[in-house]
Amino acid sequence: MNMWFAIFAIVAVVMIADTVQKVAKAKAQKKSGDAELNTMLARIDELEERVRVLERIVTEDKRDLRREINRL
C-alpha cells in the first residue's frame, strides 16, 4: 500500500463518519420537531374550541348571554 492510498483511505473514513454523524443528528432533531409540532397542534385545537364557545355566547340573545355569564 503506498502513502497516497493510505492518506485517501483515512480522509474517506473521516468524511463518511462525519456524514453519518450529521444524518443521525438530523433524525434526532426531526423527532423532537415532530413532538413539538404535535403539542402545538393540540394547543391550536384547544384554542379553536374556546373561540367556538365565545362565538356561541356572543351570538345568542341578550337574555341567554346574561344567563351564560352568570353561569360562568
PDB file of N, CA and C in Angstrom:
ATOM      1  N   MET A   1       0.866  -1.162   0.000  1.00  0.00           N
ATOM      2  CA  MET A   1       0.000   0.000   0.000  1.00  0.00           C
ATOM      3  C   MET A   1       0.913   1.226   0.000  1.00  0.00           C
ATOM      4  N   ASN A   2       0.684   2.112  -0.934  1.00  0.00           N
ATOM      5  CA  ASN A   2       1.526   3.306  -0.953  1.00  0.00           C
ATOM      6  C   ASN A   2       0.955   4.390  -0.042  1.00  0.00           C
ATOM      7  N   MET A   3       1.719   5.442   0.153  1.00  0.00           N
ATOM      8  CA  MET A   3       1.363   6.517   1.084  1.00  0.00           C
ATOM      9  C   MET A   3       0.102   7.264   0.640  1.00  0.00           C
ATOM     10  N   TRP A   4      -0.062   7.513  -0.634  1.00  0.00           N
ATOM     11  CA  TRP A   4      -1.214   8.283  -1.117  1.00  0.00           C
ATOM     12  C   TRP A   4      -2.523   7.520  -0.929  1.00  0.00           C
ATOM     13  N   PHE A   5      -2.495   6.222  -1.108  1.00  0.00           N
ATOM     14  CA  PHE A   5      -3.695   5.428  -0.876  1.00  0.00           C
ATOM     15  C   PHE A   5      -4.081   5.448   0.599  1.00  0.00           C
ATOM     16  N   ALA A   6      -3.092   5.384   1.497  1.00  0.00           N
ATOM     17  CA  ALA A   6      -3.347   5.427   2.937  1.00  0.00           C
ATOM     18  C   ALA A   6      -3.962   6.772   3.324  1.00  0.00           C
ATOM     19  N   ILE A   7      -3.433   7.853   2.772  1.00  0.00           N
ATOM     20  CA  ILE A   7      -3.983   9.184   3.052  1.00  0.00           C
ATOM     21  C   ILE A   7      -5.421   9.280   2.542  1.00  0.00           C
ATOM     22  N   PHE A   8      -5.652   8.787   1.329  1.00  0.00           N
ATOM     23  CA  PHE A   8      -7.001   8.804   0.763  1.00  0.00           C
ATOM     24  C   PHE A   8      -7.967   7.990   1.624  1.00  0.00           C
ATOM     25  N   ALA A   9      -7.536   6.840   2.079  1.00  0.00           N
ATOM     26  CA  ALA A   9      -8.388   5.980   2.901  1.00  0.00           C
ATOM     27  C   ALA A   9      -8.735   6.656   4.229  1.00  0.00           C
ATOM     28  N   ILE A  10      -7.785   7.293   4.850  1.00  0.00           N
ATOM     29  CA  ILE A  10      -8.033   7.984   6.124  1.00  0.00           C
ATOM     30  C   ILE A  10      -9.018   9.132   5.915  1.00  0.00           C
ATOM     31  N   VAL A  11      -8.827   9.921   4.882  1.00  0.00           N
ATOM     32  CA  VAL A  11      -9.733  11.046   4.592  1.00  0.00           C
ATOM     33  C   VAL A  11     -11.133  10.531   4.297  1.00  0.00           C
ATOM     34  N   ALA A  12     -11.234   9.458   3.538  1.00  0.00           N
ATOM     35  CA  ALA A  12     -12.546   8.896   3.206  1.00  0.00           C
ATOM     36  C   ALA A  12     -13.270   8.408   4.460  1.00  0.00           C
ATOM     37  N   VAL A  13     -12.564   7.725   5.345  1.00  0.00           N
ATOM     38  CA  VAL A  13     -13.180   7.227   6.581  1.00  0.00           C
ATOM     39  C   VAL A  13     -13.660   8.383   7.437  1.00  0.00           C
ATOM     40  N   VAL A  14     -12.874   9.433   7.560  1.00  0.00           N
ATOM     41  CA  VAL A  14     -13.260  10.598   8.365  1.00  0.00           C
ATOM     42  C   VAL A  14     -14.488  11.275   7.767  1.00  0.00           C
ATOM     43  N   MET A  15     -14.536  11.426   6.454  1.00  0.00           N
ATOM     44  CA  MET A  15     -15.678  12.081   5.813  1.00  0.00           C
ATOM     45  C   MET A  15     -16.945  11.243   5.960  1.00  0.00           C
ATOM     46  N   ILE A  16     -16.830   9.942   5.812  1.00  0.00           N
ATOM     47  CA  ILE A  16     -18.002   9.068   5.965  1.00  0.00           C
ATOM     48  C   ILE A  16     -18.514   9.113   7.398  1.00  0.00           C
ATOM     49  N   ALA A  17     -17.613   9.092   8.375  1.00  0.00           N
ATOM     50  CA  ALA A  17     -18.023   9.148   9.779  1.00  0.00           C
ATOM     51  C   ALA A  17     -18.715  10.468  10.078  1.00  0.00           C
ATOM     52  N   ASP A  18     -18.212  11.561   9.523  1.00  0.00           N
ATOM     53  CA  ASP A  18     -18.832  12.871   9.739  1.00  0.00           C
ATOM     54  C   ASP A  18     -20.226  12.920   9.127  1.00  0.00           C
ATOM     55  N   THR A  19     -20.383  12.352   7.946  1.00  0.00           N
ATOM     56  CA  THR A  19     -21.690  12.323   7.292  1.00  0.00           C
ATOM     57  C   THR A  19     -22.686  11.497   8.088  1.00  0.00           C
ATOM     58  N   VAL A  20     -22.267  10.353   8.570  1.00  0.00           N
ATOM     59  CA  VAL A  20     -23.148   9.507   9.376  1.00  0.00           C
ATOM     60  C   VAL A  20     -23.579  10.242  10.650  1.00  0.00           C
ATOM     61  N   GLN A  21     -22.647  10.942  11.263  1.00  0.00           N
ATOM     62  CA  GLN A  21     -22.959  11.701  12.478  1.00  0.00           C
ATOM     63  C   GLN A  21     -23.982  12.810  12.183  1.00  0.00           C
ATOM     64  N   LYS A  22     -23.823  13.503  11.076  1.00  0.00           N
ATOM     65  CA  LYS A  22     -24.761  14.569  10.712  1.00  0.00           C
ATOM     66  C   LYS A  22     -26.156  14.017  10.428  1.00  0.00           C
ATOM     67  N   VAL A  23     -26.228  12.870   9.762  1.00  0.00           N
ATOM     68  CA  VAL A  23     -27.526  12.254   9.460  1.00  0.00           C
ATOM     69  C   VAL A  23     -28.228  11.846  10.758  1.00  0.00           C
ATOM     70  N   ALA A  24     -27.486  11.263  11.688  1.00  0.00           N
ATOM     71  CA  ALA A  24     -28.079  10.864  12.969  1.00  0.00           C
ATOM     72  C   ALA A  24     -28.584  12.085  13.741  1.00  0.00           C
ATOM     73  N   LYS A  25     -27.835  13.158  13.703  1.00  0.00           N
ATOM     74  CA  LYS A  25     -28.250  14.380  14.396  1.00  0.00           C
ATOM     75  C   LYS A  25     -29.516  14.958  13.760  1.00  0.00           C
ATOM     76  N   ALA A  26     -29.599  14.940  12.426  1.00  0.00           N
ATOM     77  CA  ALA A  26     -30.780  15.459  11.731  1.00  0.00           C
ATOM     78  C   ALA A  26     -32.016  14.628  12.067  1.00  0.00           C
ATOM     79  N   LYS A  27     -31.870  13.303  12.153  1.00  0.00           N
ATOM     80  CA  LYS A  27     -33.005  12.449  12.517  1.00  0.00           C
ATOM     81  C   LYS A  27     -33.481  12.746  13.928  1.00  0.00           C
ATOM     82  N   ALA A  28     -32.555  12.961  14.852  1.00  0.00           N
ATOM     83  CA  ALA A  28     -32.927  13.268  16.235  1.00  0.00           C
ATOM     84  C   ALA A  28     -33.672  14.602  16.304  1.00  0.00           C
ATOM     85  N   GLN A  29     -33.225  15.586  15.546  1.00  0.00           N
ATOM     86  CA  GLN A  29     -33.899  16.881  15.540  1.00  0.00           C
ATOM     87  C   GLN A  29     -35.291  16.762  14.934  1.00  0.00           C
ATOM     88  N   LYS A  30     -35.442  15.926  13.929  1.00  0.00           N
ATOM     89  CA  LYS A  30     -36.750  15.757  13.303  1.00  0.00           C
ATOM     90  C   LYS A  30     -37.742  15.156  14.296  1.00  0.00           C
ATOM     91  N   LYS A  31     -37.291  14.167  15.073  1.00  0.00           N
ATOM     92  CA  LYS A  31     -38.171  13.543  16.056  1.00  0.00           C
ATOM     93  C   LYS A  31     -38.616  14.549  17.111  1.00  0.00           C
ATOM     94  N   SER A  32     -37.699  15.382  17.586  1.00  0.00           N
ATOM     95  CA  SER A  32     -38.086  16.379  18.586  1.00  0.00           C
ATOM     96  C   SER A  32     -38.980  17.436  17.966  1.00  0.00           C
ATOM     97  N   GLY A  33     -38.760  17.748  16.684  1.00  0.00           N
ATOM     98  CA  GLY A  33     -39.615  18.700  15.977  1.00  0.00           C
ATOM     99  C   GLY A  33     -41.020  18.166  15.801  1.00  0.00           C
ATOM    100  N   ASP A  34     -41.156  16.861  15.556  1.00  0.00           N
ATOM    101  CA  ASP A  34     -42.477  16.243  15.422  1.00  0.00           C
ATOM    102  C   ASP A  34     -43.255  16.314  16.733  1.00  0.00           C
ATOM    103  N   ALA A  35     -42.573  16.084  17.842  1.00  0.00           N
ATOM    104  CA  ALA A  35     -43.239  16.160  19.142  1.00  0.00           C
ATOM    105  C   ALA A  35     -43.704  17.586  19.413  1.00  0.00           C
ATOM    106  N   GLU A  36     -42.866  18.546  19.075  1.00  0.00           N
ATOM    107  CA  GLU A  36     -43.230  19.953  19.271  1.00  0.00           C
ATOM    108  C   GLU A  36     -44.406  20.336  18.374  1.00  0.00           C
ATOM    109  N   LEU A  37     -44.398  19.845  17.152  1.00  0.00           N
ATOM    110  CA  LEU A  37     -45.497  20.120  16.235  1.00  0.00           C
ATOM    111  C   LEU A  37     -46.808  19.555  16.762  1.00  0.00           C
ATOM    112  N   ASN A  38     -46.783  18.324  17.269  1.00  0.00           N
ATOM    113  CA  ASN A  38     -47.995  17.711  17.825  1.00  0.00           C
ATOM    114  C   ASN A  38     -48.513  18.499  19.025  1.00  0.00           C
ATOM    115  N   THR A  39     -47.610  18.992  19.860  1.00  0.00           N
ATOM    116  CA  THR A  39     -48.011  19.810  21.002  1.00  0.00           C
ATOM    117  C   THR A  39     -48.684  21.093  20.536  1.00  0.00           C
ATOM    118  N   MET A  40     -48.101  21.726  19.543  1.00  0.00           N
ATOM    119  CA  MET A  40     -48.682  22.974  19.022  1.00  0.00           C
ATOM    120  C   MET A  40     -50.043  22.730  18.377  1.00  0.00           C
ATOM    121  N   LEU A  41     -50.173  21.639  17.632  1.00  0.00           N
ATOM    122  CA  LEU A  41     -51.459  21.338  17.003  1.00  0.00           C
ATOM    123  C   LEU A  41     -52.536  21.068  18.042  1.00  0.00           C
ATOM    124  N   ALA A  42     -52.187  20.388  19.126  1.00  0.00           N
ATOM    125  CA  ALA A  42     -53.150  20.150  20.203  1.00  0.00           C
ATOM    126  C   ALA A  42     -53.565  21.465  20.836  1.00  0.00           C
ATOM    127  N   ARG A  43     -52.611  22.359  21.034  1.00  0.00           N
ATOM    128  CA  ARG A  43     -52.910  23.672  21.624  1.00  0.00           C
ATOM    129  C   ARG A  43     -53.828  24.474  20.693  1.00  0.00           C
ATOM    130  N   ILE A  44     -53.595  24.410  19.402  1.00  0.00           N
ATOM    131  CA  ILE A  44     -54.439  25.116  18.436  1.00  0.00           C
ATOM    132  C   ILE A  44     -55.863  24.572  18.492  1.00  0.00           C
ATOM    133  N   ASP A  45     -56.014  23.253  18.598  1.00  0.00           N
ATOM    134  CA  ASP A  45     -57.352  22.663  18.704  1.00  0.00           C
ATOM    135  C   ASP A  45     -58.081  23.171  19.944  1.00  0.00           C
ATOM    136  N   GLU A  46     -57.362  23.261  21.068  1.00  0.00           N
ATOM    137  CA  GLU A  46     -57.971  23.780  22.300  1.00  0.00           C
ATOM    138  C   GLU A  46     -58.417  25.232  22.117  1.00  0.00           C
ATOM    139  N   LEU A  47     -57.581  26.025  21.503  1.00  0.00           N
ATOM    140  CA  LEU A  47     -57.918  27.432  21.298  1.00  0.00           C
ATOM    141  C   LEU A  47     -59.093  27.599  20.338  1.00  0.00           C
ATOM    142  N   GLU A  48     -59.153  26.768  19.304  1.00  0.00           N
ATOM    143  CA  GLU A  48     -60.284  26.830  18.381  1.00  0.00           C
ATOM    144  C   GLU A  48     -61.589  26.504  19.101  1.00  0.00           C
ATOM    145  N   GLU A  49     -61.567  25.536  19.987  1.00  0.00           N
ATOM    146  CA  GLU A  49     -62.770  25.193  20.754  1.00  0.00           C
ATOM    147  C   GLU A  49     -63.191  26.365  21.643  1.00  0.00           C
ATOM    148  N   ARG A  50     -62.234  27.026  22.253  1.00  0.00           N
ATOM    149  CA  ARG A  50     -62.557  28.184  23.093  1.00  0.00           C
ATOM    150  C   ARG A  50     -63.180  29.306  22.264  1.00  0.00           C
ATOM    151  N   VAL A  51     -62.671  29.517  21.059  1.00  0.00           N
ATOM    152  CA  VAL A  51     -63.223  30.554  20.181  1.00  0.00           C
ATOM    153  C   VAL A  51     -64.647  30.196  19.778  1.00  0.00           C
ATOM    154  N   ARG A  52     -64.908  28.913  19.498  1.00  0.00           N
ATOM    155  CA  ARG A  52     -66.265  28.492  19.153  1.00  0.00           C
ATOM    156  C   ARG A  52     -67.233  28.784  20.291  1.00  0.00           C
ATOM    157  N   VAL A  53     -66.810  28.510  21.518  1.00  0.00           N
ATOM    158  CA  VAL A  53     -67.665  28.779  22.678  1.00  0.00           C
ATOM    159  C   VAL A  53     -67.920  30.271  22.800  1.00  0.00           C
ATOM    160  N   LEU A  54     -66.885  31.071  22.647  1.00  0.00           N
ATOM    161  CA  LEU A  54     -67.065  32.523  22.742  1.00  0.00           C
ATOM    162  C   LEU A  54     -67.964  33.047  21.632  1.00  0.00           C
ATOM    163  N   GLU A  55     -67.829  32.537  20.424  1.00  0.00           N
ATOM    164  CA  GLU A  55     -68.707  32.948  19.325  1.00  0.00           C
ATOM    165  C   GLU A  55     -70.153  32.590  19.621  1.00  0.00           C
ATOM    166  N   ARG A  56     -70.367  31.404  20.194  1.00  0.00           N
ATOM    167  CA  ARG A  56     -71.730  30.990  20.525  1.00  0.00           C
ATOM    168  C   ARG A  56     -72.320  31.915  21.590  1.00  0.00           C
ATOM    169  N   ILE A  57     -71.514  32.270  22.584  1.00  0.00           N
ATOM    170  CA  ILE A  57     -72.004  33.146  23.644  1.00  0.00           C
ATOM    171  C   ILE A  57     -72.347  34.520  23.091  1.00  0.00           C
ATOM    172  N   VAL A  58     -71.508  35.053  22.230  1.00  0.00           N
ATOM    173  CA  VAL A  58     -71.710  36.403  21.700  1.00  0.00           C
ATOM    174  C   VAL A  58     -72.912  36.460  20.767  1.00  0.00           C
ATOM    175  N   THR A  59     -73.189  35.416  20.034  1.00  0.00           N
ATOM    176  CA  THR A  59     -74.273  35.472  19.057  1.00  0.00           C
ATOM    177  C   THR A  59     -75.643  35.127  19.638  1.00  0.00           C
ATOM    178  N   GLU A  60     -75.708  34.677  20.876  1.00  0.00           N
ATOM    179  CA  GLU A  60     -77.007  34.363  21.483  1.00  0.00           C
ATOM    180  C   GLU A  60     -77.729  35.646  21.895  1.00  0.00           C
ATOM    181  N   ASP A  61     -79.019  35.516  22.195  1.00  0.00           N
ATOM    182  CA  ASP A  61     -79.798  36.662  22.656  1.00  0.00           C
ATOM    183  C   ASP A  61     -79.208  37.221  23.944  1.00  0.00           C
ATOM    184  N   LYS A  62     -79.601  38.457  24.270  1.00  0.00           N
ATOM    185  CA  LYS A  62     -79.060  39.096  25.466  1.00  0.00           C
ATOM    186  C   LYS A  62     -79.433  38.330  26.728  1.00  0.00           C
ATOM    187  N   ARG A  63     -80.640  37.810  26.788  1.00  0.00           N
ATOM    188  CA  ARG A  63     -81.045  37.044  27.972  1.00  0.00           C
ATOM    189  C   ARG A  63     -80.161  35.818  28.153  1.00  0.00           C
ATOM    190  N   ASP A  64     -79.924  35.150  27.032  1.00  0.00           N
ATOM    191  CA  ASP A  64     -79.064  33.967  27.096  1.00  0.00           C
ATOM    192  C   ASP A  64     -77.631  34.348  27.451  1.00  0.00           C
ATOM    193  N   LEU A  65     -77.203  35.506  26.959  1.00  0.00           N
ATOM    194  CA  LEU A  65     -75.859  35.964  27.256  1.00  0.00           C
ATOM    195  C   LEU A  65     -75.700  36.230  28.747  1.00  0.00           C
ATOM    196  N   ARG A  66     -76.655  36.917  29.351  1.00  0.00           N
ATOM    197  CA  ARG A  66     -76.597  37.190  30.793  1.00  0.00           C
ATOM    198  C   ARG A  66     -76.580  35.898  31.578  1.00  0.00           C
ATOM    199  N   ARG A  67     -77.420  34.974  31.178  1.00  0.00           N
ATOM    200  CA  ARG A  67     -77.502  33.707  31.877  1.00  0.00           C
ATOM    201  C   ARG A  67     -76.179  32.935  31.767  1.00  0.00           C
ATOM    202  N   GLU A  68     -75.585  32.960  30.598  1.00  0.00           N
ATOM    203  CA  GLU A  68     -74.313  32.253  30.381  1.00  0.00           C
ATOM    204  C   GLU A  68     -73.187  32.892  31.197  1.00  0.00           C
ATOM    205  N   ILE A  69     -73.159  34.224  31.233  1.00  0.00           N
ATOM    206  CA  ILE A  69     -72.121  34.927  32.016  1.00  0.00           C
ATOM    207  C   ILE A  69     -72.316  34.625  33.498  1.00  0.00           C
ATOM    208  N   ASN A  70     -73.536  34.651  33.969  1.00  0.00           N
ATOM    209  CA  ASN A  70     -73.792  34.339  35.392  1.00  0.00           C
ATOM    210  C   ASN A  70     -73.420  32.898  35.712  1.00  0.00           C
ATOM    211  N   ARG A  71     -73.640  32.029  34.768  1.00  0.00           N
ATOM    212  CA  ARG A  71     -73.299  30.617  34.983  1.00  0.00           C
ATOM    213  C   ARG A  71     -71.792  30.409  35.096  1.00  0.00           C
ATOM    214  N   LEU A  72     -71.030  31.212  34.358  1.00  0.00           N
ATOM    215  CA  LEU A  72     -69.566  31.089  34.399  1.00  0.00           C
ATOM    216  C   LEU A  72     -69.074  31.632  35.716  1.00  0.00           C
TER     217      LEU A  72
END
